[in-house]
Protein backbone atom coordinates (compact mmCIF):
# COMPACT_ATOMS: atom_id res chain seq x y z
CA MET A 1 -10.75 86.03 38.99
CA PRO A 2 -7.71 85.21 36.80
CA ASP A 3 -5.69 82.08 37.53
CA PRO A 4 -2.70 83.09 39.70
CA HIS A 5 -0.70 80.25 38.15
CA ALA A 6 -1.21 81.31 34.53
CA ALA A 7 1.84 81.69 32.30
CA ARG A 8 2.41 84.09 29.45
CA VAL A 9 3.37 82.20 26.32
CA TYR A 10 3.68 82.71 22.57
CA LEU A 11 1.54 80.62 20.26
CA GLN A 12 3.64 78.87 17.61
CA SER A 13 0.93 76.68 16.05
CA LYS A 14 -2.31 74.92 16.84
CA THR A 15 -4.60 72.17 15.68
CA ALA A 16 -7.69 70.70 17.31
CA GLU A 17 -5.48 68.11 19.09
CA GLN A 18 -2.31 70.08 19.86
CA VAL A 19 -1.05 73.55 20.62
CA VAL A 20 2.64 74.47 20.43
CA VAL A 21 3.68 77.35 22.67
CA ARG A 22 7.02 79.01 23.37
CA LEU A 23 8.00 80.24 26.82
CA PRO A 24 9.31 83.83 26.59
CA GLY A 25 13.06 84.22 26.99
CA SER A 26 13.74 80.53 26.37
CA ASN A 27 14.04 77.96 23.60
CA TYR A 28 11.22 75.83 25.04
CA GLN A 29 8.53 74.85 22.53
CA LEU A 30 5.97 72.84 24.47
CA HIS A 31 3.52 70.56 22.66
CA LEU A 32 0.34 70.58 24.75
CA VAL A 33 -3.30 69.54 24.50
CA PRO A 34 -5.61 72.57 24.25
CA GLY A 35 -7.83 72.81 27.33
CA GLY A 36 -10.25 75.28 25.75
CA PRO A 37 -10.48 77.74 22.85
CA ILE A 38 -7.00 79.02 22.01
CA VAL A 39 -7.22 82.76 21.33
CA ALA A 40 -4.06 84.83 20.98
CA THR A 41 -3.26 88.45 20.23
CA PRO A 42 -2.22 89.34 16.67
CA GLN A 43 1.38 89.10 17.93
CA GLY A 44 0.76 85.52 19.13
CA ARG A 45 0.67 86.26 22.86
CA LEU A 46 -1.50 84.08 25.04
CA THR A 47 -2.05 83.55 28.76
CA GLY A 48 -2.87 80.12 30.08
CA THR A 49 -2.22 77.57 32.78
CA ILE A 50 0.19 74.77 31.88
CA ARG A 51 -0.98 71.58 33.63
CA CYS A 52 1.06 68.37 33.69
CA PRO A 53 -0.10 64.99 35.07
CA VAL A 54 2.77 63.46 37.05
CA TRP A 55 3.47 59.76 37.61
CA LYS A 56 6.72 60.00 39.61
CA VAL A 57 8.11 62.59 42.04
CA ASP A 58 11.73 62.94 43.20
CA GLU A 59 12.99 65.33 45.85
CA VAL A 60 16.24 66.66 44.41
CA SER A 61 19.02 68.75 45.90
CA ALA A 62 21.04 69.62 42.79
CA GLY A 63 20.39 70.76 39.26
CA GLY A 64 18.54 73.64 37.81
CA SER A 65 14.99 74.26 36.71
CA TYR A 66 14.13 72.73 33.36
CA ILE A 67 11.62 70.95 31.15
CA GLU A 68 12.73 67.96 29.07
CA PRO A 69 12.71 67.84 26.15
CA VAL A 70 13.19 71.44 25.06
CA ILE A 71 10.96 70.82 22.02
CA GLY A 72 8.04 68.40 22.33
CA ARG A 73 5.62 67.18 24.97
CA PRO A 74 6.91 67.62 28.54
CA ARG A 75 8.34 64.36 29.92
CA ARG A 76 10.24 65.73 32.94
CA VAL A 77 9.87 68.99 34.84
CA GLN A 78 12.29 70.07 37.55
CA GLY A 79 12.16 73.23 39.58
CA VAL A 80 11.40 74.99 42.84
CA VAL A 81 7.92 74.73 44.32
CA ILE A 82 6.32 78.21 44.43
CA GLY A 83 2.79 77.18 45.41
CA ALA A 84 0.18 74.46 45.66
CA GLU A 85 -3.39 73.67 44.66
CA PRO A 86 -4.54 71.26 47.39
CA ALA A 87 -7.99 70.84 45.77
CA THR A 88 -6.35 69.21 42.71
CA ASN A 89 -3.36 67.74 44.63
CA SER A 90 -1.03 69.85 42.48
CA VAL A 91 2.16 71.77 43.10
CA VAL A 92 3.27 74.82 41.13
CA VAL A 93 6.87 74.68 39.96
CA GLU A 94 8.68 77.63 38.38
CA VAL A 95 10.60 76.95 35.16
CA ALA A 96 12.01 79.68 32.88
CA SER A 97 10.17 82.31 34.97
CA SER A 98 6.88 80.54 34.16
CA PRO A 99 4.62 78.58 36.52
CA VAL A 100 3.87 74.95 35.65
CA VAL A 101 1.08 73.23 37.61
CA CYS A 102 1.90 69.56 38.22
CA GLN A 103 -0.83 67.18 39.43
CA LEU A 104 0.78 64.69 41.80
CA PRO A 105 0.16 60.94 42.07
CA GLU A 106 -2.17 59.79 44.89
CA GLU A 107 0.66 58.82 47.25
CA TRP A 108 1.85 62.45 47.42
CA ASP A 109 0.03 65.26 49.25
CA ALA A 110 0.56 68.69 47.68
CA SER A 111 -0.42 70.47 50.91
CA ARG A 112 2.56 68.86 52.70
CA ILE A 113 5.22 69.95 50.20
CA PRO A 114 6.83 73.20 51.37
CA ARG A 115 7.51 76.19 49.16
CA GLY A 116 11.15 76.31 48.15
CA CYS A 117 11.42 72.53 47.88
CA ARG A 118 13.13 71.35 44.69
CA LEU A 119 11.29 68.57 42.85
CA GLY A 120 11.92 66.47 39.77
CA LEU A 121 8.64 65.31 38.22
CA ASP A 122 8.17 62.64 35.54
CA VAL A 123 5.19 63.61 33.41
CA ARG A 124 2.57 61.40 31.75
CA SER A 125 1.25 62.27 28.30
CA GLY A 126 -1.68 64.67 28.25
CA SER A 127 -0.09 67.91 29.49
CA ARG A 128 -2.42 70.72 28.56
CA LEU A 129 -2.75 74.46 28.24
CA GLU A 130 -5.88 75.91 29.81
CA PRO A 131 -6.26 79.36 28.23
CA VAL A 132 -7.24 82.33 30.36
CA VAL A 133 -9.72 84.68 28.70
CA PRO A 134 -9.06 88.32 29.63
CA ALA A 135 -11.83 89.77 31.82
CA SER A 136 -12.21 92.72 29.45
CA SER A 137 -12.72 90.48 26.44
CA PRO A 138 -15.11 87.57 26.02
CA ALA A 139 -13.71 84.62 24.07
CA GLY A 140 -13.30 85.73 20.50
CA GLY A 141 -14.15 89.32 21.44
CA PRO A 142 -12.89 92.46 19.75
CA THR A 143 -9.59 92.73 21.66
CA ALA A 144 -8.41 89.22 20.80
CA SER A 145 -8.15 87.35 17.57
CA ALA A 146 -8.07 83.67 16.79
CA VAL A 147 -4.78 82.42 15.39
CA SER A 148 -4.87 79.47 13.01
């Protein structure tokens, strides 16, 4: 079953240690750690779950949804909670029409944070992209191609 919190992104570049993806319709270029084999379409499209380890959480009442910085590794994510993963103590925040899964520190309980709540999250290094392999295509199969 595909990850319901997967985002559609465009692959900009990749190495063994880092993948740079762009969120559609935005200027965001996120520098992430690859969480598996990165396989994109010939046009550079890729689906994957963006996961950010969080060290500080703020409940906020003002401001929009954003990722700071616009180019680089995520250091702060702010947005509206659209879901939770209690098993990993993570909340799902929507930014630029894309879900970002944020693993909370121990003192926070993801199952107690209501949908619609606005959070500001300070992110540790190590944010990653866990690619989703299409069900119709095994990794590296005929309908997908590796992008170097």
